[in-house]
Amino acid sequence: MIRILPQVTKLGGKALDFLFPQWCLGCGKEGVLICSSCCISLPRLIPPLCPRCGRPQPSGILCPGCVSWQAKIEGIRSPYRFDGVIRQAIYQLKYRNLRVVAAPLARLLDNYLSSNSVPGEVLVPVPLHRKRLRERGYNQSALLAKELSKLSKLPVVDDCLIRERQATPQARTKSAAERQDNVTGAFACRSSQLQDRQVLLIDDVATSGATLDACAEALKEAGAASVWGLVLAREI
């Protein structure tokens, strides 16, 4: 095995695909992690949307929840609802160490950006607390940002926004108010390199938007000109 491995490495992706074939997370078809048929059936978010939180809103104006939301973030955008194959793919990326799925998921984000104008000149992934990062071994949002950078040519800055305080995972909270309290003061930006920059904040899922907004507050305190959230999926 030790003698074969360098030879396999030189052969590149095709050899690795032969030894470790991929199957579609949706239908099980061999060849890719998300096949073309499953891509077509992904649960898309269709306009009109609330311009702030990005949830469906028939009027196309601020939804009732956002009217009273004193948000620091300009808005949150996502191509999909948190359901179906997207939900499964995010779960595999986040909890099952399937890091390779970050590339096709980032391609979906890049496709969204190519047809939807979202202001941004630099990508910043939502950080994990250092303890959770040690436990998981990687930050799924940083993986997405890295792969998206390759496609969009936007640079990634992942060493300035930090999570100072570990909190209960947002998925375990019961209300929007609880989620807001859970992340208040949890983030800090200890660098001036984002001064006057338009930031695209990258994450996998948005629930209430509290985490993204807390990040936006820290980034703006450090001088960011604007902060938009770009996530794969939105809970509705």
C-alpha atoms as a PDB file:
ATOM      1  CA  MET A   1       0.000   0.000   0.000  1.00  0.00           C
ATOM      2  CA  ILE A   2       2.845   2.371   0.831  1.00  0.00           C
ATOM      3  CA  ARG A   3       4.431   1.720  -2.596  1.00  0.00           C
ATOM      4  CA  ILE A   4       1.159   2.225  -4.481  1.00  0.00           C
ATOM      5  CA  LEU A   5      -0.045   5.418  -2.818  1.00  0.00           C
ATOM      6  CA  PRO A   6       2.455   7.843  -4.472  1.00  0.00           C
ATOM      7  CA  GLN A   7       1.591   6.409  -7.879  1.00  0.00           C
ATOM      8  CA  VAL A   8      -2.129   6.820  -7.224  1.00  0.00           C
ATOM      9  CA  THR A   9      -1.546  10.383  -6.065  1.00  0.00           C
ATOM     10  CA  LYS A  10       0.229  11.223  -9.342  1.00  0.00           C
ATOM     11  CA  LEU A  11      -2.721   9.918 -11.327  1.00  0.00           C
ATOM     12  CA  GLY A  12      -4.942  12.514  -9.659  1.00  0.00           C
ATOM     13  CA  GLY A  13      -8.691  12.680  -9.318  1.00  0.00           C
ATOM     14  CA  LYS A  14      -9.628   9.989 -11.838  1.00  0.00           C
ATOM     15  CA  ALA A  15      -7.672   7.317  -9.974  1.00  0.00           C
ATOM     16  CA  LEU A  16      -9.127   8.403  -6.645  1.00  0.00           C
ATOM     17  CA  ASP A  17     -12.627   8.369  -8.139  1.00  0.00           C
ATOM     18  CA  PHE A  18     -11.973   4.799  -9.322  1.00  0.00           C
ATOM     19  CA  LEU A  19     -10.825   3.669  -5.883  1.00  0.00           C
ATOM     20  CA  PHE A  20     -13.424   5.698  -3.973  1.00  0.00           C
ATOM     21  CA  PRO A  21     -16.408   6.277  -6.309  1.00  0.00           C
ATOM     22  CA  GLN A  22     -18.940   8.969  -5.433  1.00  0.00           C
ATOM     23  CA  TRP A  23     -22.685   8.509  -5.217  1.00  0.00           C
ATOM     24  CA  CYS A  24     -25.356  11.182  -5.441  1.00  0.00           C
ATOM     25  CA  LEU A  25     -26.594  12.131  -1.999  1.00  0.00           C
ATOM     26  CA  GLY A  26     -30.110  12.451  -3.387  1.00  0.00           C
ATOM     27  CA  CYS A  27     -30.757   9.434  -5.600  1.00  0.00           C
ATOM     28  CA  GLY A  28     -27.667   7.263  -5.131  1.00  0.00           C
ATOM     29  CA  LYS A  29     -26.543   7.498  -8.763  1.00  0.00           C
ATOM     30  CA  GLU A  30     -22.839   6.770  -9.102  1.00  0.00           C
ATOM     31  CA  GLY A  31     -20.480   9.419 -10.415  1.00  0.00           C
ATOM     32  CA  VAL A  32     -21.150  12.697  -8.581  1.00  0.00           C
ATOM     33  CA  LEU A  33     -22.259  13.840  -5.146  1.00  0.00           C
ATOM     34  CA  ILE A  34     -25.233  15.812  -6.500  1.00  0.00           C
ATOM     35  CA  CYS A  35     -26.352  14.638  -9.938  1.00  0.00           C
ATOM     36  CA  SER A  36     -27.880  16.883 -12.584  1.00  0.00           C
ATOM     37  CA  SER A  37     -31.383  15.500 -12.019  1.00  0.00           C
ATOM     38  CA  CYS A  38     -31.231  16.178  -8.291  1.00  0.00           C
ATOM     39  CA  CYS A  39     -29.800  19.659  -8.961  1.00  0.00           C
ATOM     40  CA  ILE A  40     -32.870  20.485 -11.023  1.00  0.00           C
ATOM     41  CA  SER A  41     -35.175  19.388  -8.206  1.00  0.00           C
ATOM     42  CA  LEU A  42     -33.397  21.304  -5.415  1.00  0.00           C
ATOM     43  CA  PRO A  43     -35.850  23.354  -3.284  1.00  0.00           C
ATOM     44  CA  ARG A  44     -35.194  26.845  -4.635  1.00  0.00           C
ATOM     45  CA  LEU A  45     -36.239  30.071  -2.971  1.00  0.00           C
ATOM     46  CA  ILE A  46     -38.354  31.898  -5.524  1.00  0.00           C
ATOM     47  CA  PRO A  47     -38.869  35.697  -5.421  1.00  0.00           C
ATOM     48  CA  PRO A  48     -40.475  37.846  -4.231  1.00  0.00           C
ATOM     49  CA  LEU A  49     -38.453  37.751  -1.023  1.00  0.00           C
ATOM     50  CA  CYS A  50     -38.076  39.961   2.006  1.00  0.00           C
ATOM     51  CA  PRO A  51     -35.170  42.271   1.106  1.00  0.00           C
ATOM     52  CA  ARG A  52     -33.669  41.886   4.588  1.00  0.00           C
ATOM     53  CA  CYS A  53     -33.995  38.266   5.767  1.00  0.00           C
ATOM     54  CA  GLY A  54     -34.439  36.667   2.334  1.00  0.00           C
ATOM     55  CA  ARG A  55     -37.517  34.640   3.231  1.00  0.00           C
ATOM     56  CA  PRO A  56     -40.445  34.446   0.775  1.00  0.00           C
ATOM     57  CA  GLN A  57     -42.584  37.577   1.066  1.00  0.00           C
ATOM     58  CA  PRO A  58     -45.457  38.043  -1.435  1.00  0.00           C
ATOM     59  CA  SER A  59     -45.318  41.836  -1.232  1.00  0.00           C
ATOM     60  CA  GLY A  60     -41.566  42.015  -1.833  1.00  0.00           C
ATOM     61  CA  ILE A  61     -41.168  44.499   1.022  1.00  0.00           C
ATOM     62  CA  LEU A  62     -39.897  43.988   4.569  1.00  0.00           C
ATOM     63  CA  CYS A  63     -41.663  41.094   6.256  1.00  0.00           C
ATOM     64  CA  PRO A  64     -43.336  41.724   9.651  1.00  0.00           C
ATOM     65  CA  GLY A  65     -40.395  40.195  11.522  1.00  0.00           C
ATOM     66  CA  CYS A  66     -37.861  42.465   9.827  1.00  0.00           C
ATOM     67  CA  VAL A  67     -39.828  45.679  10.351  1.00  0.00           C
ATOM     68  CA  SER A  68     -38.870  45.641  14.033  1.00  0.00           C
ATOM     69  CA  TRP A  69     -35.477  43.921  13.575  1.00  0.00           C
ATOM     70  CA  GLN A  70     -32.691  46.419  14.237  1.00  0.00           C
ATOM     71  CA  ALA A  71     -30.318  44.469  12.057  1.00  0.00           C
ATOM     72  CA  LYS A  72     -26.707  45.382  11.396  1.00  0.00           C
ATOM     73  CA  ILE A  73     -26.540  43.152   8.330  1.00  0.00           C
ATOM     74  CA  GLU A  74     -27.699  44.592   5.001  1.00  0.00           C
ATOM     75  CA  GLY A  75     -29.461  41.399   4.018  1.00  0.00           C
ATOM     76  CA  ILE A  76     -29.315  37.617   3.782  1.00  0.00           C
ATOM     77  CA  ARG A  77     -29.472  35.763   0.500  1.00  0.00           C
ATOM     78  CA  SER A  78     -29.758  32.063  -0.248  1.00  0.00           C
ATOM     79  CA  PRO A  79     -30.583  29.991  -3.318  1.00  0.00           C
ATOM     80  CA  TYR A  80     -32.410  27.199  -1.457  1.00  0.00           C
ATOM     81  CA  ARG A  81     -34.758  26.216   1.322  1.00  0.00           C
ATOM     82  CA  PHE A  82     -33.230  24.003   4.005  1.00  0.00           C
ATOM     83  CA  ASP A  83     -34.886  20.834   2.795  1.00  0.00           C
ATOM     84  CA  GLY A  84     -34.376  17.729   0.694  1.00  0.00           C
ATOM     85  CA  VAL A  85     -31.018  17.022  -0.921  1.00  0.00           C
ATOM     86  CA  ILE A  86     -29.546  20.357   0.203  1.00  0.00           C
ATOM     87  CA  ARG A  87     -30.353  19.530   3.812  1.00  0.00           C
ATOM     88  CA  GLN A  88     -28.763  16.097   3.416  1.00  0.00           C
ATOM     89  CA  ALA A  89     -25.644  17.514   1.736  1.00  0.00           C
ATOM     90  CA  ILE A  90     -25.155  20.138   4.447  1.00  0.00           C
ATOM     91  CA  TYR A  91     -25.598  17.478   7.143  1.00  0.00           C
ATOM     92  CA  GLN A  92     -22.943  15.286   5.515  1.00  0.00           C
ATOM     93  CA  LEU A  93     -20.556  18.237   5.209  1.00  0.00           C
ATOM     94  CA  LYS A  94     -21.143  19.499   8.730  1.00  0.00           C
ATOM     95  CA  TYR A  95     -21.420  16.332  10.797  1.00  0.00           C
ATOM     96  CA  ARG A  96     -20.135  13.407   8.724  1.00  0.00           C
ATOM     97  CA  ASN A  97     -16.767  14.795   7.600  1.00  0.00           C
ATOM     98  CA  LEU A  98     -17.732  14.679   3.906  1.00  0.00           C
ATOM     99  CA  ARG A  99     -15.530  17.652   3.094  1.00  0.00           C
ATOM    100  CA  VAL A 100     -15.442  16.839  -0.614  1.00  0.00           C
ATOM    101  CA  VAL A 101     -19.073  17.977  -0.930  1.00  0.00           C
ATOM    102  CA  ALA A 102     -17.961  21.568  -0.255  1.00  0.00           C
ATOM    103  CA  ALA A 103     -16.880  21.926  -3.894  1.00  0.00           C
ATOM    104  CA  PRO A 104     -20.242  21.126  -5.565  1.00  0.00           C
ATOM    105  CA  LEU A 105     -22.080  23.142  -2.911  1.00  0.00           C
ATOM    106  CA  ALA A 106     -19.827  26.131  -3.556  1.00  0.00           C
ATOM    107  CA  ARG A 107     -20.584  25.776  -7.268  1.00  0.00           C
ATOM    108  CA  LEU A 108     -24.269  26.195  -6.453  1.00  0.00           C
ATOM    109  CA  LEU A 109     -23.450  29.398  -4.564  1.00  0.00           C
ATOM    110  CA  ASP A 110     -21.367  30.660  -7.478  1.00  0.00           C
ATOM    111  CA  ASN A 111     -24.215  29.947  -9.891  1.00  0.00           C
ATOM    112  CA  TYR A 112     -26.477  31.983  -7.633  1.00  0.00           C
ATOM    113  CA  LEU A 113     -24.051  34.901  -7.544  1.00  0.00           C
ATOM    114  CA  SER A 114     -23.713  34.885 -11.325  1.00  0.00           C
ATOM    115  CA  SER A 115     -27.431  35.586 -11.742  1.00  0.00           C
ATOM    116  CA  ASN A 116     -28.167  37.573  -8.576  1.00  0.00           C
ATOM    117  CA  SER A 117     -26.444  40.797  -7.616  1.00  0.00           C
ATOM    118  CA  VAL A 118     -25.181  40.576  -4.039  1.00  0.00           C
ATOM    119  CA  PRO A 119     -22.627  43.283  -3.127  1.00  0.00           C
ATOM    120  CA  GLY A 120     -19.303  41.886  -1.997  1.00  0.00           C
ATOM    121  CA  GLU A 121     -15.603  42.146  -2.727  1.00  0.00           C
ATOM    122  CA  VAL A 122     -14.260  39.791  -0.074  1.00  0.00           C
ATOM    123  CA  LEU A 123     -15.503  36.494   1.413  1.00  0.00           C
ATOM    124  CA  VAL A 124     -15.509  35.994   5.188  1.00  0.00           C
ATOM    125  CA  PRO A 125     -16.655  32.629   6.609  1.00  0.00           C
ATOM    126  CA  VAL A 126     -18.642  32.526   9.848  1.00  0.00           C
ATOM    127  CA  PRO A 127     -16.081  31.246  12.377  1.00  0.00           C
ATOM    128  CA  LEU A 128     -16.367  28.397  14.845  1.00  0.00           C
ATOM    129  CA  HIS A 129     -15.247  28.694  18.430  1.00  0.00           C
ATOM    130  CA  ARG A 130     -11.750  27.210  18.814  1.00  0.00           C
ATOM    131  CA  LYS A 131     -13.081  24.384  21.011  1.00  0.00           C
ATOM    132  CA  ARG A 132     -15.674  23.313  18.440  1.00  0.00           C
ATOM    133  CA  LEU A 133     -13.099  23.667  15.678  1.00  0.00           C
ATOM    134  CA  ARG A 134     -10.802  21.257  17.525  1.00  0.00           C
ATOM    135  CA  GLU A 135     -13.666  18.794  18.001  1.00  0.00           C
ATOM    136  CA  ARG A 136     -14.816  18.891  14.372  1.00  0.00           C
ATOM    137  CA  GLY A 137     -11.402  19.349  12.798  1.00  0.00           C
ATOM    138  CA  TYR A 138     -12.571  21.890  10.235  1.00  0.00           C
ATOM    139  CA  ASN A 139     -14.976  24.778   9.694  1.00  0.00           C
ATOM    140  CA  GLN A 140     -17.551  23.894   7.042  1.00  0.00           C
ATOM    141  CA  SER A 141     -18.178  27.579   6.282  1.00  0.00           C
ATOM    142  CA  ALA A 142     -14.456  28.136   5.673  1.00  0.00           C
ATOM    143  CA  LEU A 143     -14.435  25.173   3.267  1.00  0.00           C
ATOM    144  CA  LEU A 144     -17.363  26.668   1.366  1.00  0.00           C
ATOM    145  CA  ALA A 145     -15.686  30.082   1.233  1.00  0.00           C
ATOM    146  CA  LYS A 146     -12.427  28.579  -0.022  1.00  0.00           C
ATOM    147  CA  GLU A 147     -14.159  26.675  -2.828  1.00  0.00           C
ATOM    148  CA  LEU A 148     -16.335  29.662  -3.726  1.00  0.00           C
ATOM    149  CA  SER A 149     -13.233  31.849  -3.934  1.00  0.00           C
ATOM    150  CA  LYS A 150     -11.771  29.551  -6.596  1.00  0.00           C
ATOM    151  CA  LEU A 151     -14.864  30.046  -8.740  1.00  0.00           C
ATOM    152  CA  SER A 152     -15.753  33.672  -8.058  1.00  0.00           C
ATOM    153  CA  LYS A 153     -12.156  34.973  -7.795  1.00  0.00           C
ATOM    154  CA  LEU A 154     -13.164  36.879  -4.665  1.00  0.00           C
ATOM    155  CA  PRO A 155     -10.484  36.666  -1.947  1.00  0.00           C
ATOM    156  CA  VAL A 156     -11.126  34.943   1.371  1.00  0.00           C
ATOM    157  CA  VAL A 157     -10.242  36.619   4.666  1.00  0.00           C
ATOM    158  CA  ASP A 158     -10.635  34.010   7.403  1.00  0.00           C
ATOM    159  CA  ASP A 159      -8.214  35.197  10.065  1.00  0.00           C
ATOM    160  CA  CYS A 160      -9.835  38.380  11.350  1.00  0.00           C
ATOM    161  CA  LEU A 161     -13.363  37.460  12.457  1.00  0.00           C
ATOM    162  CA  ILE A 162     -13.263  35.210  15.526  1.00  0.00           C
ATOM    163  CA  ARG A 163     -15.779  33.620  17.829  1.00  0.00           C
ATOM    164  CA  GLU A 164     -14.826  34.632  21.348  1.00  0.00           C
ATOM    165  CA  ARG A 165     -17.597  32.878  23.219  1.00  0.00           C
ATOM    166  CA  GLN A 166     -18.900  29.370  22.676  1.00  0.00           C
ATOM    167  CA  ALA A 167     -22.673  29.159  22.672  1.00  0.00           C
ATOM    168  CA  THR A 168     -25.367  26.530  22.347  1.00  0.00           C
ATOM    169  CA  PRO A 169     -25.800  25.522  18.687  1.00  0.00           C
ATOM    170  CA  GLN A 170     -28.508  27.707  17.170  1.00  0.00           C
ATOM    171  CA  ALA A 171     -30.433  24.658  15.981  1.00  0.00           C
ATOM    172  CA  ARG A 172     -31.100  23.765  19.630  1.00  0.00           C
ATOM    173  CA  THR A 173     -32.625  27.118  20.572  1.00  0.00           C
ATOM    174  CA  LYS A 174     -36.385  27.491  20.637  1.00  0.00           C
ATOM    175  CA  SER A 175     -37.118  31.045  19.502  1.00  0.00           C
ATOM    176  CA  ALA A 176     -35.707  33.974  17.562  1.00  0.00           C
ATOM    177  CA  ALA A 177     -35.223  35.919  20.793  1.00  0.00           C
ATOM    178  CA  GLU A 178     -33.291  33.025  22.320  1.00  0.00           C
ATOM    179  CA  ARG A 179     -31.112  32.762  19.225  1.00  0.00           C
ATOM    180  CA  GLN A 180     -30.382  36.480  19.391  1.00  0.00           C
ATOM    181  CA  ASP A 181     -29.383  36.291  23.054  1.00  0.00           C
ATOM    182  CA  ASN A 182     -27.322  33.197  22.331  1.00  0.00           C
ATOM    183  CA  VAL A 183     -24.910  35.025  19.993  1.00  0.00           C
ATOM    184  CA  THR A 184     -24.925  38.563  21.389  1.00  0.00           C
ATOM    185  CA  GLY A 185     -21.303  39.616  21.829  1.00  0.00           C
ATOM    186  CA  ALA A 186     -20.025  36.238  20.650  1.00  0.00           C
ATOM    187  CA  PHE A 187     -17.919  37.581  17.764  1.00  0.00           C
ATOM    188  CA  ALA A 188     -15.091  40.066  17.371  1.00  0.00           C
ATOM    189  CA  CYS A 189     -13.053  41.381  14.461  1.00  0.00           C
ATOM    190  CA  ARG A 190      -9.522  42.209  15.547  1.00  0.00           C
ATOM    191  CA  SER A 191      -8.093  43.509  12.307  1.00  0.00           C
ATOM    192  CA  SER A 192      -8.429  46.592  10.147  1.00  0.00           C
ATOM    193  CA  GLN A 193      -7.927  44.723   6.875  1.00  0.00           C
ATOM    194  CA  LEU A 194     -11.686  44.848   6.167  1.00  0.00           C
ATOM    195  CA  GLN A 195     -11.842  48.626   6.590  1.00  0.00           C
ATOM    196  CA  ASP A 196     -14.154  50.087   3.938  1.00  0.00           C
ATOM    197  CA  ARG A 197     -14.601  46.679   2.270  1.00  0.00           C
ATOM    198  CA  GLN A 198     -17.874  45.132   1.099  1.00  0.00           C
ATOM    199  CA  VAL A 199     -18.068  41.790   2.902  1.00  0.00           C
ATOM    200  CA  LEU A 200     -19.891  38.647   1.822  1.00  0.00           C
ATOM    201  CA  LEU A 201     -20.393  36.574   4.966  1.00  0.00           C
ATOM    202  CA  ILE A 202     -20.463  32.856   4.102  1.00  0.00           C
ATOM    203  CA  ASP A 203     -22.324  30.174   6.068  1.00  0.00           C
ATOM    204  CA  ASP A 204     -24.139  26.918   5.415  1.00  0.00           C
ATOM    205  CA  VAL A 205     -27.589  27.604   6.895  1.00  0.00           C
ATOM    206  CA  ALA A 206     -29.498  30.624   8.198  1.00  0.00           C
ATOM    207  CA  THR A 207     -32.259  30.134  10.743  1.00  0.00           C
ATOM    208  CA  SER A 208     -33.268  33.417  12.389  1.00  0.00           C
ATOM    209  CA  GLY A 209     -30.255  35.263  10.967  1.00  0.00           C
ATOM    210  CA  ALA A 210     -29.007  36.100  14.480  1.00  0.00           C
ATOM    211  CA  THR A 211     -25.559  34.566  13.973  1.00  0.00           C
ATOM    212  CA  LEU A 212     -25.003  36.388  10.693  1.00  0.00           C
ATOM    213  CA  ASP A 213     -26.185  39.645  12.228  1.00  0.00           C
ATOM    214  CA  ALA A 214     -23.877  39.260  15.228  1.00  0.00           C
ATOM    215  CA  CYS A 215     -20.984  38.710  12.817  1.00  0.00           C
ATOM    216  CA  ALA A 216     -22.046  41.754  10.804  1.00  0.00           C
ATOM    217  CA  GLU A 217     -22.022  43.889  13.940  1.00  0.00           C
ATOM    218  CA  ALA A 218     -18.441  42.858  14.734  1.00  0.00           C
ATOM    219  CA  LEU A 219     -17.327  43.440  11.147  1.00  0.00           C
ATOM    220  CA  LYS A 220     -18.883  46.892  10.990  1.00  0.00           C
ATOM    221  CA  GLU A 221     -17.313  47.850  14.295  1.00  0.00           C
ATOM    222  CA  ALA A 222     -14.012  47.025  12.581  1.00  0.00           C
ATOM    223  CA  GLY A 223     -14.858  49.339   9.685  1.00  0.00           C
ATOM    224  CA  ALA A 224     -16.535  47.130   7.055  1.00  0.00           C
ATOM    225  CA  ALA A 225     -18.523  49.257   4.608  1.00  0.00           C
ATOM    226  CA  SER A 226     -21.304  46.695   4.188  1.00  0.00           C
ATOM    227  CA  VAL A 227     -22.049  43.099   5.146  1.00  0.00           C
ATOM    228  CA  TRP A 228     -24.343  40.742   3.263  1.00  0.00           C
ATOM    229  CA  GLY A 229     -24.957  37.144   4.281  1.00  0.00           C
ATOM    230  CA  LEU A 230     -24.737  34.428   1.623  1.00  0.00           C
ATOM    231  CA  VAL A 231     -25.814  30.966   2.744  1.00  0.00           C
ATOM    232  CA  LEU A 232     -26.648  27.746   0.964  1.00  0.00           C
ATOM    233  CA  ALA A 233     -30.007  27.234   2.606  1.00  0.00           C
ATOM    234  CA  ARG A 234     -32.610  29.201   4.512  1.00  0.00           C
ATOM    235  CA  GLU A 235     -34.969  27.801   7.113  1.00  0.00           C
ATOM    236  CA  ILE A 236     -38.480  29.001   6.346  1.00  0.00           C
END
